[in-house]
PDB file of all heavy atoms in Angstrom:
ATOM      1  N   ASN A   1       0.876  -1.164   0.000  1.00  0.00           N
ATOM      2  CA  ASN A   1       0.000   0.000   0.000  1.00  0.00           C
ATOM      3  C   ASN A   1       0.914   1.215   0.000  1.00  0.00           C
ATOM      4  O   ASN A   1       1.384   1.653   1.043  1.00  0.00           O
ATOM      5  CB  ASN A   1      -0.899  -0.007   1.232  1.00  0.00           C
ATOM      6  CG  ASN A   1      -1.833   1.187   1.287  1.00  0.00           C
ATOM      7  OD1 ASN A   1      -1.990   1.905   0.292  1.00  0.00           O
ATOM      8  ND2 ASN A   1      -2.455   1.415   2.438  1.00  0.00           N
ATOM      9  N   GLY A   2       1.212   1.726  -1.181  1.00  0.00           N
ATOM     10  CA  GLY A   2       2.239   2.759  -1.296  1.00  0.00           C
ATOM     11  C   GLY A   2       3.587   2.152  -0.991  1.00  0.00           C
ATOM     12  O   GLY A   2       3.992   1.163  -1.600  1.00  0.00           O
ATOM     13  N   THR A   3       4.264   2.703   0.001  1.00  0.00           N
ATOM     14  CA  THR A   3       5.566   2.154   0.405  1.00  0.00           C
ATOM     15  C   THR A   3       5.446   1.191   1.578  1.00  0.00           C
ATOM     16  O   THR A   3       6.448   0.641   2.041  1.00  0.00           O
ATOM     17  CB  THR A   3       6.525   3.293   0.801  1.00  0.00           C
ATOM     18  OG1 THR A   3       5.961   4.024   1.898  1.00  0.00           O
ATOM     19  CG2 THR A   3       6.761   4.241  -0.372  1.00  0.00           C
ATOM     20  N   GLU A   4       4.208   0.970   2.049  1.00  0.00           N
ATOM     21  CA  GLU A   4       4.003   0.122   3.214  1.00  0.00           C
ATOM     22  C   GLU A   4       3.784  -1.334   2.807  1.00  0.00           C
ATOM     23  O   GLU A   4       2.906  -1.637   1.988  1.00  0.00           O
ATOM     24  CB  GLU A   4       2.789   0.601   4.017  1.00  0.00           C
ATOM     25  CG  GLU A   4       2.953   1.970   4.644  1.00  0.00           C
ATOM     26  CD  GLU A   4       3.955   1.973   5.782  1.00  0.00           C
ATOM     27  OE1 GLU A   4       4.045   0.957   6.497  1.00  0.00           O
ATOM     28  OE2 GLU A   4       4.645   2.983   5.947  1.00  0.00           O
ATOM     29  N   ALA A   5       4.563  -2.229   3.370  1.00  0.00           N
ATOM     30  CA  ALA A   5       4.365  -3.655   3.160  1.00  0.00           C
ATOM     31  C   ALA A   5       3.207  -4.133   4.022  1.00  0.00           C
ATOM     32  O   ALA A   5       3.167  -3.881   5.230  1.00  0.00           O
ATOM     33  CB  ALA A   5       5.630  -4.425   3.510  1.00  0.00           C
ATOM     34  N   VAL A   6       2.253  -4.810   3.396  1.00  0.00           N
ATOM     35  CA  VAL A   6       1.095  -5.354   4.103  1.00  0.00           C
ATOM     36  C   VAL A   6       1.201  -6.878   4.066  1.00  0.00           C
ATOM     37  O   VAL A   6       1.071  -7.484   2.998  1.00  0.00           O
ATOM     38  CB  VAL A   6      -0.226  -4.904   3.445  1.00  0.00           C
ATOM     39  CG1 VAL A   6      -1.412  -5.469   4.217  1.00  0.00           C
ATOM     40  CG2 VAL A   6      -0.295  -3.392   3.356  1.00  0.00           C
ATOM     41  N   PRO A   7       1.497  -7.507   5.199  1.00  0.00           N
ATOM     42  CA  PRO A   7       1.675  -8.964   5.199  1.00  0.00           C
ATOM     43  C   PRO A   7       0.483  -9.683   4.579  1.00  0.00           C
ATOM     44  O   PRO A   7      -0.671  -9.377   4.887  1.00  0.00           O
ATOM     45  CB  PRO A   7       1.808  -9.296   6.689  1.00  0.00           C
ATOM     46  CG  PRO A   7       2.323  -8.034   7.311  1.00  0.00           C
ATOM     47  CD  PRO A   7       1.682  -6.923   6.542  1.00  0.00           C
ATOM     48  N   SER A   8       0.776 -10.610   3.680  1.00  0.00           N
ATOM     49  CA  SER A   8      -0.270 -11.361   2.997  1.00  0.00           C
ATOM     50  C   SER A   8       0.334 -12.647   2.448  1.00  0.00           C
ATOM     51  O   SER A   8       1.291 -12.602   1.672  1.00  0.00           O
ATOM     52  CB  SER A   8      -0.879 -10.548   1.846  1.00  0.00           C
ATOM     53  OG  SER A   8      -1.731 -11.344   1.055  1.00  0.00           O
ATOM     54  N   GLU A   9      -0.224 -13.792   2.842  1.00  0.00           N
ATOM     55  CA  GLU A   9       0.318 -15.071   2.391  1.00  0.00           C
ATOM     56  C   GLU A   9       0.256 -15.211   0.878  1.00  0.00           C
ATOM     57  O   GLU A   9       1.075 -15.910   0.276  1.00  0.00           O
ATOM     58  CB  GLU A   9      -0.451 -16.221   3.056  1.00  0.00           C
ATOM     59  CG  GLU A   9      -0.196 -16.360   4.548  1.00  0.00           C
ATOM     60  CD  GLU A   9      -0.884 -17.570   5.146  1.00  0.00           C
ATOM     61  OE1 GLU A   9      -1.504 -18.336   4.361  1.00  0.00           O
ATOM     62  OE2 GLU A   9      -0.804 -17.765   6.370  1.00  0.00           O
ATOM     63  N   ASN A  10      -0.710 -14.546   0.255  1.00  0.00           N
ATOM     64  CA  ASN A  10      -0.873 -14.642  -1.194  1.00  0.00           C
ATOM     65  C   ASN A  10      -0.330 -13.422  -1.925  1.00  0.00           C
ATOM     66  O   ASN A  10      -0.597 -13.240  -3.122  1.00  0.00           O
ATOM     67  CB  ASN A  10      -2.354 -14.829  -1.534  1.00  0.00           C
ATOM     68  CG  ASN A  10      -2.933 -16.097  -0.928  1.00  0.00           C
ATOM     69  OD1 ASN A  10      -2.300 -17.152  -0.953  1.00  0.00           O
ATOM     70  ND2 ASN A  10      -4.128 -15.995  -0.366  1.00  0.00           N
ATOM     71  N   GLY A  11       0.432 -12.585  -1.227  1.00  0.00           N
ATOM     72  CA  GLY A  11       0.959 -11.383  -1.845  1.00  0.00           C
ATOM     73  C   GLY A  11       1.983 -11.691  -2.928  1.00  0.00           C
ATOM     74  O   GLY A  11       2.715 -12.684  -2.850  1.00  0.00           O
ATOM     75  N   ASN A  12       2.041 -10.830  -3.941  1.00  0.00           N
ATOM     76  CA  ASN A  12       2.999 -11.020  -5.037  1.00  0.00           C
ATOM     77  C   ASN A  12       4.428 -10.679  -4.629  1.00  0.00           C
ATOM     78  O   ASN A  12       5.382 -11.144  -5.254  1.00  0.00           O
ATOM     79  CB  ASN A  12       2.607 -10.150  -6.234  1.00  0.00           C
ATOM     80  CG  ASN A  12       1.358 -10.653  -6.928  1.00  0.00           C
ATOM     81  OD1 ASN A  12       1.075 -11.845  -6.885  1.00  0.00           O
ATOM     82  ND2 ASN A  12       0.610  -9.750  -7.540  1.00  0.00           N
ATOM     83  N   TYR A  13       4.548  -9.839  -3.606  1.00  0.00           N
ATOM     84  CA  TYR A  13       5.866  -9.367  -3.186  1.00  0.00           C
ATOM     85  C   TYR A  13       6.325 -10.104  -1.933  1.00  0.00           C
ATOM     86  O   TYR A  13       5.554 -10.820  -1.284  1.00  0.00           O
ATOM     87  CB  TYR A  13       5.819  -7.866  -2.913  1.00  0.00           C
ATOM     88  CG  TYR A  13       5.631  -7.023  -4.149  1.00  0.00           C
ATOM     89  CD1 TYR A  13       4.356  -6.679  -4.587  1.00  0.00           C
ATOM     90  CD2 TYR A  13       6.722  -6.577  -4.882  1.00  0.00           C
ATOM     91  CE1 TYR A  13       4.172  -5.913  -5.732  1.00  0.00           C
ATOM     92  CE2 TYR A  13       6.553  -5.797  -6.021  1.00  0.00           C
ATOM     93  CZ  TYR A  13       5.281  -5.475  -6.436  1.00  0.00           C
ATOM     94  OH  TYR A  13       5.110  -4.718  -7.570  1.00  0.00           O
ATOM     95  N   CYS A  14       7.589  -9.901  -1.600  1.00  0.00           N
ATOM     96  CA  CYS A  14       8.150 -10.417  -0.355  1.00  0.00           C
ATOM     97  C   CYS A  14       8.738  -9.255   0.439  1.00  0.00           C
ATOM     98  O   CYS A  14       9.024  -8.186  -0.117  1.00  0.00           O
ATOM     99  CB  CYS A  14       9.227 -11.461  -0.628  1.00  0.00           C
ATOM    100  SG  CYS A  14       8.642 -12.939  -1.481  1.00  0.00           S
ATOM    101  N   TYR A  15       8.935  -9.460   1.724  1.00  0.00           N
ATOM    102  CA  TYR A  15       9.484  -8.394   2.569  1.00  0.00           C
ATOM    103  C   TYR A  15      10.205  -8.992   3.763  1.00  0.00           C
ATOM    104  O   TYR A  15      10.030 -10.175   4.083  1.00  0.00           O
ATOM    105  CB  TYR A  15       8.363  -7.454   3.045  1.00  0.00           C
ATOM    106  CG  TYR A  15       7.515  -8.010   4.175  1.00  0.00           C
ATOM    107  CD1 TYR A  15       7.538  -7.426   5.441  1.00  0.00           C
ATOM    108  CD2 TYR A  15       6.700  -9.133   3.984  1.00  0.00           C
ATOM    109  CE1 TYR A  15       6.758  -7.933   6.482  1.00  0.00           C
ATOM    110  CE2 TYR A  15       5.928  -9.639   5.008  1.00  0.00           C
ATOM    111  CZ  TYR A  15       5.962  -9.041   6.260  1.00  0.00           C
ATOM    112  OH  TYR A  15       5.196  -9.545   7.288  1.00  0.00           O
ATOM    113  N   VAL A  16      11.035  -8.180   4.385  1.00  0.00           N
ATOM    114  CA  VAL A  16      11.700  -8.556   5.630  1.00  0.00           C
ATOM    115  C   VAL A  16      10.820  -8.051   6.770  1.00  0.00           C
ATOM    116  O   VAL A  16      10.549  -6.842   6.852  1.00  0.00           O
ATOM    117  CB  VAL A  16      13.108  -7.936   5.727  1.00  0.00           C
ATOM    118  CG1 VAL A  16      13.789  -8.374   7.021  1.00  0.00           C
ATOM    119  CG2 VAL A  16      13.947  -8.339   4.523  1.00  0.00           C
ATOM    120  N   PRO A  17      10.350  -8.926   7.649  1.00  0.00           N
ATOM    121  CA  PRO A  17       9.361  -8.505   8.651  1.00  0.00           C
ATOM    122  C   PRO A  17       9.887  -7.597   9.749  1.00  0.00           C
ATOM    123  O   PRO A  17       9.104  -7.068  10.534  1.00  0.00           O
ATOM    124  CB  PRO A  17       8.861  -9.836   9.226  1.00  0.00           C
ATOM    125  CG  PRO A  17       9.930 -10.819   8.926  1.00  0.00           C
ATOM    126  CD  PRO A  17      10.582 -10.378   7.667  1.00  0.00           C
ATOM    127  N   ILE A  18      11.205  -7.395   9.823  1.00  0.00           N
ATOM    128  CA  ILE A  18      11.766  -6.537  10.865  1.00  0.00           C
ATOM    129  C   ILE A  18      12.408  -5.310  10.228  1.00  0.00           C
ATOM    130  O   ILE A  18      13.402  -5.415   9.507  1.00  0.00           O
ATOM    131  CB  ILE A  18      12.818  -7.278  11.715  1.00  0.00           C
ATOM    132  CG1 ILE A  18      12.206  -8.505  12.375  1.00  0.00           C
ATOM    133  CG2 ILE A  18      13.405  -6.353  12.770  1.00  0.00           C
ATOM    134  CD1 ILE A  18      13.217  -9.344  13.148  1.00  0.00           C
ATOM    135  N   SER A  19      11.828  -4.144  10.465  1.00  0.00           N
ATOM    136  CA  SER A  19      12.429  -2.875  10.062  1.00  0.00           C
ATOM    137  C   SER A  19      12.035  -1.831  11.094  1.00  0.00           C
ATOM    138  O   SER A  19      11.196  -2.091  11.968  1.00  0.00           O
ATOM    139  CB  SER A  19      11.988  -2.461   8.649  1.00  0.00           C
ATOM    140  OG  SER A  19      10.585  -2.235   8.609  1.00  0.00           O
ATOM    141  N   TYR A  20      12.623  -0.651  11.011  1.00  0.00           N
ATOM    142  CA  TYR A  20      12.435   0.363  12.044  1.00  0.00           C
ATOM    143  C   TYR A  20      12.195   1.729  11.403  1.00  0.00           C
ATOM    144  O   TYR A  20      12.888   2.088  10.445  1.00  0.00           O
ATOM    145  CB  TYR A  20      13.667   0.443  12.957  1.00  0.00           C
ATOM    146  CG  TYR A  20      14.028  -0.883  13.579  1.00  0.00           C
ATOM    147  CD1 TYR A  20      14.837  -1.790  12.886  1.00  0.00           C
ATOM    148  CD2 TYR A  20      13.557  -1.245  14.831  1.00  0.00           C
ATOM    149  CE1 TYR A  20      15.160  -3.022  13.442  1.00  0.00           C
ATOM    150  CE2 TYR A  20      13.878  -2.472  15.395  1.00  0.00           C
ATOM    151  CZ  TYR A  20      14.680  -3.357  14.693  1.00  0.00           C
ATOM    152  OH  TYR A  20      14.998  -4.577  15.248  1.00  0.00           O
ATOM    153  N   LYS A  21      11.227   2.462  11.931  1.00  0.00           N
ATOM    154  CA  LYS A  21      10.984   3.821  11.472  1.00  0.00           C
ATOM    155  C   LYS A  21      11.492   4.788  12.540  1.00  0.00           C
ATOM    156  O   LYS A  21      10.988   4.810  13.666  1.00  0.00           O
ATOM    157  CB  LYS A  21       9.496   4.043  11.200  1.00  0.00           C
ATOM    158  CG  LYS A  21       8.993   3.260   9.992  1.00  0.00           C
ATOM    159  CD  LYS A  21       7.541   3.567   9.665  1.00  0.00           C
ATOM    160  CE  LYS A  21       7.103   2.819   8.415  1.00  0.00           C
ATOM    161  NZ  LYS A  21       5.685   3.091   8.071  1.00  0.00           N
ATOM    162  N   VAL A  22      12.487   5.554  12.170  1.00  0.00           N
ATOM    163  CA  VAL A  22      13.145   6.464  13.108  1.00  0.00           C
ATOM    164  C   VAL A  22      13.471   7.763  12.394  1.00  0.00           C
ATOM    165  O   VAL A  22      13.592   7.805  11.161  1.00  0.00           O
ATOM    166  CB  VAL A  22      14.448   5.852  13.675  1.00  0.00           C
ATOM    167  CG1 VAL A  22      14.152   4.721  14.634  1.00  0.00           C
ATOM    168  CG2 VAL A  22      15.344   5.358  12.552  1.00  0.00           C
ATOM    169  N   THR A  23      13.641   8.824  13.164  1.00  0.00           N
ATOM    170  CA  THR A  23      13.991  10.105  12.573  1.00  0.00           C
ATOM    171  C   THR A  23      15.509  10.248  12.468  1.00  0.00           C
ATOM    172  O   THR A  23      16.265   9.603  13.211  1.00  0.00           O
ATOM    173  CB  THR A  23      13.439  11.274  13.396  1.00  0.00           C
ATOM    174  OG1 THR A  23      14.058  11.264  14.697  1.00  0.00           O
ATOM    175  CG2 THR A  23      11.924  11.179  13.539  1.00  0.00           C
ATOM    176  N   LEU A  24      15.930  11.102  11.566  1.00  0.00           N
ATOM    177  CA  LEU A  24      17.361  11.381  11.441  1.00  0.00           C
ATOM    178  C   LEU A  24      17.917  11.918  12.752  1.00  0.00           C
ATOM    179  O   LEU A  24      19.025  11.574  13.156  1.00  0.00           O
ATOM    180  CB  LEU A  24      17.597  12.399  10.323  1.00  0.00           C
ATOM    181  CG  LEU A  24      17.427  11.915   8.886  1.00  0.00           C
ATOM    182  CD1 LEU A  24      17.595  13.081   7.928  1.00  0.00           C
ATOM    183  CD2 LEU A  24      18.425  10.819   8.555  1.00  0.00           C
ATOM    184  N   GLY A  25      17.147  12.759  13.415  1.00  0.00           N
ATOM    185  CA  GLY A  25      17.597  13.335  14.677  1.00  0.00           C
ATOM    186  C   GLY A  25      17.846  12.273  15.729  1.00  0.00           C
ATOM    187  O   GLY A  25      18.837  12.341  16.469  1.00  0.00           O
ATOM    188  N   TYR A  26      16.956  11.280  15.798  1.00  0.00           N
ATOM    189  CA  TYR A  26      17.129  10.222  16.794  1.00  0.00           C
ATOM    190  C   TYR A  26      18.355   9.375  16.477  1.00  0.00           C
ATOM    191  O   TYR A  26      19.109   8.986  17.381  1.00  0.00           O
ATOM    192  CB  TYR A  26      15.885   9.337  16.863  1.00  0.00           C
ATOM    193  CG  TYR A  26      15.987   8.262  17.923  1.00  0.00           C
ATOM    194  CD1 TYR A  26      15.938   8.602  19.269  1.00  0.00           C
ATOM    195  CD2 TYR A  26      16.160   6.936  17.573  1.00  0.00           C
ATOM    196  CE1 TYR A  26      16.044   7.634  20.255  1.00  0.00           C
ATOM    197  CE2 TYR A  26      16.275   5.952  18.549  1.00  0.00           C
ATOM    198  CZ  TYR A  26      16.215   6.308  19.884  1.00  0.00           C
ATOM    199  OH  TYR A  26      16.334   5.348  20.867  1.00  0.00           O
ATOM    200  N   ILE A  27      18.556   9.092  15.199  1.00  0.00           N
ATOM    201  CA  ILE A  27      19.736   8.327  14.797  1.00  0.00           C
ATOM    202  C   ILE A  27      21.009   9.033  15.234  1.00  0.00           C
ATOM    203  O   ILE A  27      21.916   8.426  15.818  1.00  0.00           O
ATOM    204  CB  ILE A  27      19.740   8.105  13.271  1.00  0.00           C
ATOM    205  CG1 ILE A  27      18.592   7.186  12.862  1.00  0.00           C
ATOM    206  CG2 ILE A  27      21.078   7.517  12.816  1.00  0.00           C
ATOM    207  CD1 ILE A  27      18.377   7.087  11.364  1.00  0.00           C
ATOM    208  N   VAL A  28      21.079  10.327  14.970  1.00  0.00           N
ATOM    209  CA  VAL A  28      22.268  11.099  15.326  1.00  0.00           C
ATOM    210  C   VAL A  28      22.451  11.148  16.841  1.00  0.00           C
ATOM    211  O   VAL A  28      23.573  11.012  17.350  1.00  0.00           O
ATOM    212  CB  VAL A  28      22.184  12.519  14.738  1.00  0.00           C
ATOM    213  CG1 VAL A  28      23.303  13.401  15.282  1.00  0.00           C
ATOM    214  CG2 VAL A  28      22.262  12.454  13.211  1.00  0.00           C
ATOM    215  N   ASP A  29      21.350  11.330  17.581  1.00  0.00           N
ATOM    216  CA  ASP A  29      21.443  11.353  19.043  1.00  0.00           C
ATOM    217  C   ASP A  29      22.004  10.033  19.576  1.00  0.00           C
ATOM    218  O   ASP A  29      22.852  10.026  20.483  1.00  0.00           O
ATOM    219  CB  ASP A  29      20.067  11.617  19.662  1.00  0.00           C
ATOM    220  CG  ASP A  29      19.599  13.052  19.476  1.00  0.00           C
ATOM    221  OD1 ASP A  29      20.446  13.909  19.144  1.00  0.00           O
ATOM    222  OD2 ASP A  29      18.398  13.311  19.657  1.00  0.00           O
ATOM    223  N   CYS A  30      21.532   8.923  19.026  1.00  0.00           N
ATOM    224  CA  CYS A  30      22.040   7.612  19.447  1.00  0.00           C
ATOM    225  C   CYS A  30      23.533   7.497  19.160  1.00  0.00           C
ATOM    226  O   CYS A  30      24.313   7.065  20.021  1.00  0.00           O
ATOM    227  CB  CYS A  30      21.296   6.498  18.726  1.00  0.00           C
ATOM    228  SG  CYS A  30      19.608   6.206  19.286  1.00  0.00           S
ATOM    229  N   LEU A  31      23.936   7.884  17.966  1.00  0.00           N
ATOM    230  CA  LEU A  31      25.343   7.751  17.576  1.00  0.00           C
ATOM    231  C   LEU A  31      26.248   8.621  18.446  1.00  0.00           C
ATOM    232  O   LEU A  31      27.361   8.216  18.795  1.00  0.00           O
ATOM    233  CB  LEU A  31      25.511   8.109  16.105  1.00  0.00           C
ATOM    234  CG  LEU A  31      24.866   7.135  15.109  1.00  0.00           C
ATOM    235  CD1 LEU A  31      24.985   7.665  13.697  1.00  0.00           C
ATOM    236  CD2 LEU A  31      25.490   5.749  15.216  1.00  0.00           C
ATOM    237  N   LYS A  32      25.782   9.791  18.805  1.00  0.00           N
ATOM    238  CA  LYS A  32      26.579  10.656  19.683  1.00  0.00           C
ATOM    239  C   LYS A  32      26.715  10.041  21.073  1.00  0.00           C
ATOM    240  O   LYS A  32      27.769  10.165  21.717  1.00  0.00           O
ATOM    241  CB  LYS A  32      25.957  12.050  19.750  1.00  0.00           C
ATOM    242  CG  LYS A  32      26.121  12.850  18.459  1.00  0.00           C
ATOM    243  CD  LYS A  32      25.526  14.239  18.574  1.00  0.00           C
ATOM    244  CE  LYS A  32      25.776  15.049  17.300  1.00  0.00           C
ATOM    245  NZ  LYS A  32      25.171  16.401  17.380  1.00  0.00           N
ATOM    246  N   THR A  33      25.660   9.377  21.540  1.00  0.00           N
ATOM    247  CA  THR A  33      25.739   8.669  22.822  1.00  0.00           C
ATOM    248  C   THR A  33      26.750   7.530  22.747  1.00  0.00           C
ATOM    249  O   THR A  33      27.560   7.333  23.663  1.00  0.00           O
ATOM    250  CB  THR A  33      24.356   8.108  23.213  1.00  0.00           C
ATOM    251  OG1 THR A  33      23.427   9.181  23.356  1.00  0.00           O
ATOM    252  CG2 THR A  33      24.437   7.341  24.530  1.00  0.00           C
ATOM    253  N   PHE A  34      26.721   6.781  21.647  1.00  0.00           N
ATOM    254  CA  PHE A  34      27.685   5.688  21.467  1.00  0.00           C
ATOM    255  C   PHE A  34      29.116   6.240  21.450  1.00  0.00           C
ATOM    256  O   PHE A  34      30.033   5.647  22.015  1.00  0.00           O
ATOM    257  CB  PHE A  34      27.419   4.942  20.166  1.00  0.00           C
ATOM    258  CG  PHE A  34      26.026   4.382  20.024  1.00  0.00           C
ATOM    259  CD1 PHE A  34      25.510   4.080  18.766  1.00  0.00           C
ATOM    260  CD2 PHE A  34      25.219   4.160  21.134  1.00  0.00           C
ATOM    261  CE1 PHE A  34      24.236   3.564  18.621  1.00  0.00           C
ATOM    262  CE2 PHE A  34      23.931   3.639  21.000  1.00  0.00           C
ATOM    263  CZ  PHE A  34      23.446   3.351  19.738  1.00  0.00           C
ATOM    264  N   HIS A  35      29.274   7.370  20.791  1.00  0.00           N
ATOM    265  CA  HIS A  35      30.601   7.988  20.663  1.00  0.00           C
ATOM    266  C   HIS A  35      31.167   8.354  22.025  1.00  0.00           C
ATOM    267  O   HIS A  35      32.384   8.279  22.259  1.00  0.00           O
ATOM    268  CB  HIS A  35      30.488   9.231  19.774  1.00  0.00           C
ATOM    269  CG  HIS A  35      31.770   9.979  19.603  1.00  0.00           C
ATOM    270  ND1 HIS A  35      32.138  11.018  20.445  1.00  0.00           N
ATOM    271  CD2 HIS A  35      32.777   9.849  18.709  1.00  0.00           C
ATOM    272  CE1 HIS A  35      33.312  11.493  20.062  1.00  0.00           C
ATOM    273  NE2 HIS A  35      33.721  10.806  19.013  1.00  0.00           N
ATOM    274  N   GLU A  36      30.300   8.749  22.947  1.00  0.00           N
ATOM    275  CA  GLU A  36      30.740   9.185  24.270  1.00  0.00           C
ATOM    276  C   GLU A  36      30.925   8.033  25.248  1.00  0.00           C
ATOM    277  O   GLU A  36      31.444   8.236  26.347  1.00  0.00           O
ATOM    278  CB  GLU A  36      29.730  10.184  24.846  1.00  0.00           C
ATOM    279  CG  GLU A  36      29.658  11.507  24.085  1.00  0.00           C
ATOM    280  CD  GLU A  36      31.008  12.210  24.061  1.00  0.00           C
ATOM    281  OE1 GLU A  36      31.580  12.426  25.146  1.00  0.00           O
ATOM    282  OE2 GLU A  36      31.489  12.530  22.951  1.00  0.00           O
ATOM    283  N   GLN A  37      30.522   6.825  24.884  1.00  0.00           N
ATOM    284  CA  GLN A  37      30.557   5.708  25.825  1.00  0.00           C
ATOM    285  C   GLN A  37      31.933   5.463  26.442  1.00  0.00           C
ATOM    286  O   GLN A  37      32.034   5.221  27.656  1.00  0.00           O
ATOM    287  CB  GLN A  37      30.031   4.443  25.136  1.00  0.00           C
ATOM    288  CG  GLN A  37      29.717   3.298  26.089  1.00  0.00           C
ATOM    289  CD  GLN A  37      30.938   2.498  26.485  1.00  0.00           C
ATOM    290  OE1 GLN A  37      31.901   2.377  25.710  1.00  0.00           O
ATOM    291  NE2 GLN A  37      30.923   1.953  27.693  1.00  0.00           N
ATOM    292  N   PRO A  38      33.027   5.530  25.695  1.00  0.00           N
ATOM    293  CA  PRO A  38      34.333   5.323  26.334  1.00  0.00           C
ATOM    294  C   PRO A  38      34.653   6.351  27.412  1.00  0.00           C
ATOM    295  O   PRO A  38      35.459   6.076  28.305  1.00  0.00           O
ATOM    296  CB  PRO A  38      35.322   5.439  25.156  1.00  0.00           C
ATOM    297  CG  PRO A  38      34.515   5.050  23.961  1.00  0.00           C
ATOM    298  CD  PRO A  38      33.159   5.623  24.222  1.00  0.00           C
ATOM    299  N   LYS A  39      34.019   7.523  27.338  1.00  0.00           N
ATOM    300  CA  LYS A  39      34.244   8.555  28.353  1.00  0.00           C
ATOM    301  C   LYS A  39      33.290   8.395  29.527  1.00  0.00           C
ATOM    302  O   LYS A  39      33.691   8.491  30.690  1.00  0.00           O
ATOM    303  CB  LYS A  39      34.070   9.946  27.742  1.00  0.00           C
ATOM    304  CG  LYS A  39      35.030  10.259  26.604  1.00  0.00           C
ATOM    305  CD  LYS A  39      34.717  11.618  25.988  1.00  0.00           C
ATOM    306  CE  LYS A  39      35.594  11.898  24.778  1.00  0.00           C
ATOM    307  NZ  LYS A  39      35.240  13.190  24.111  1.00  0.00           N
ATOM    308  N   THR A  40      32.007   8.142  29.226  1.00  0.00           N
ATOM    309  CA  THR A  40      31.007   8.047  30.291  1.00  0.00           C
ATOM    310  C   THR A  40      30.928   6.641  30.887  1.00  0.00           C
ATOM    311  O   THR A  40      30.429   6.473  32.002  1.00  0.00           O
ATOM    312  CB  THR A  40      29.619   8.415  29.750  1.00  0.00           C
ATOM    313  OG1 THR A  40      29.223   7.441  28.761  1.00  0.00           O
ATOM    314  CG2 THR A  40      29.636   9.805  29.107  1.00  0.00           C
ATOM    315  N   LEU A  41      31.385   5.656  30.141  1.00  0.00           N
ATOM    316  CA  LEU A  41      31.276   4.227  30.481  1.00  0.00           C
ATOM    317  C   LEU A  41      29.827   3.739  30.468  1.00  0.00           C
ATOM    318  O   LEU A  41      29.550   2.577  30.773  1.00  0.00           O
ATOM    319  CB  LEU A  41      31.892   3.913  31.847  1.00  0.00           C
ATOM    320  CG  LEU A  41      33.364   4.265  32.028  1.00  0.00           C
ATOM    321  CD1 LEU A  41      33.825   3.826  33.411  1.00  0.00           C
ATOM    322  CD2 LEU A  41      34.223   3.623  30.947  1.00  0.00           C
ATOM    323  N   LEU A  42      28.889   4.634  30.110  1.00  0.00           N
ATOM    324  CA  LEU A  42      27.469   4.300  30.160  1.00  0.00           C
ATOM    325  C   LEU A  42      27.036   3.596  28.877  1.00  0.00           C
ATOM    326  O   LEU A  42      27.105   4.164  27.789  1.00  0.00           O
ATOM    327  CB  LEU A  42      26.631   5.561  30.364  1.00  0.00           C
ATOM    328  CG  LEU A  42      25.123   5.345  30.512  1.00  0.00           C
ATOM    329  CD1 LEU A  42      24.826   4.527  31.767  1.00  0.00           C
ATOM    330  CD2 LEU A  42      24.394   6.695  30.571  1.00  0.00           C
ATOM    331  N   MET A  43      26.590   2.354  29.015  1.00  0.00           N
ATOM    332  CA  MET A  43      26.067   1.584  27.889  1.00  0.00           C
ATOM    333  C   MET A  43      24.555   1.773  27.835  1.00  0.00           C
ATOM    334  O   MET A  43      23.854   1.452  28.789  1.00  0.00           O
ATOM    335  CB  MET A  43      26.398   0.103  28.067  1.00  0.00           C
ATOM    336  CG  MET A  43      25.963  -0.769  26.912  1.00  0.00           C
ATOM    337  SD  MET A  43      26.778  -0.375  25.363  1.00  0.00           S
ATOM    338  CE  MET A  43      28.485  -0.791  25.765  1.00  0.00           C
TER     339      MET A  43
END
């Protein structure tokens, strides 16, 4: 349905059932936290 995969046993297409919808801002925030982990030790 547009860009949305709609699970259907008889569907013509295939898809990977695990994906994530996230904003660019959230991605960057996560990466900056990962970058600081050696300093903060916080996982």
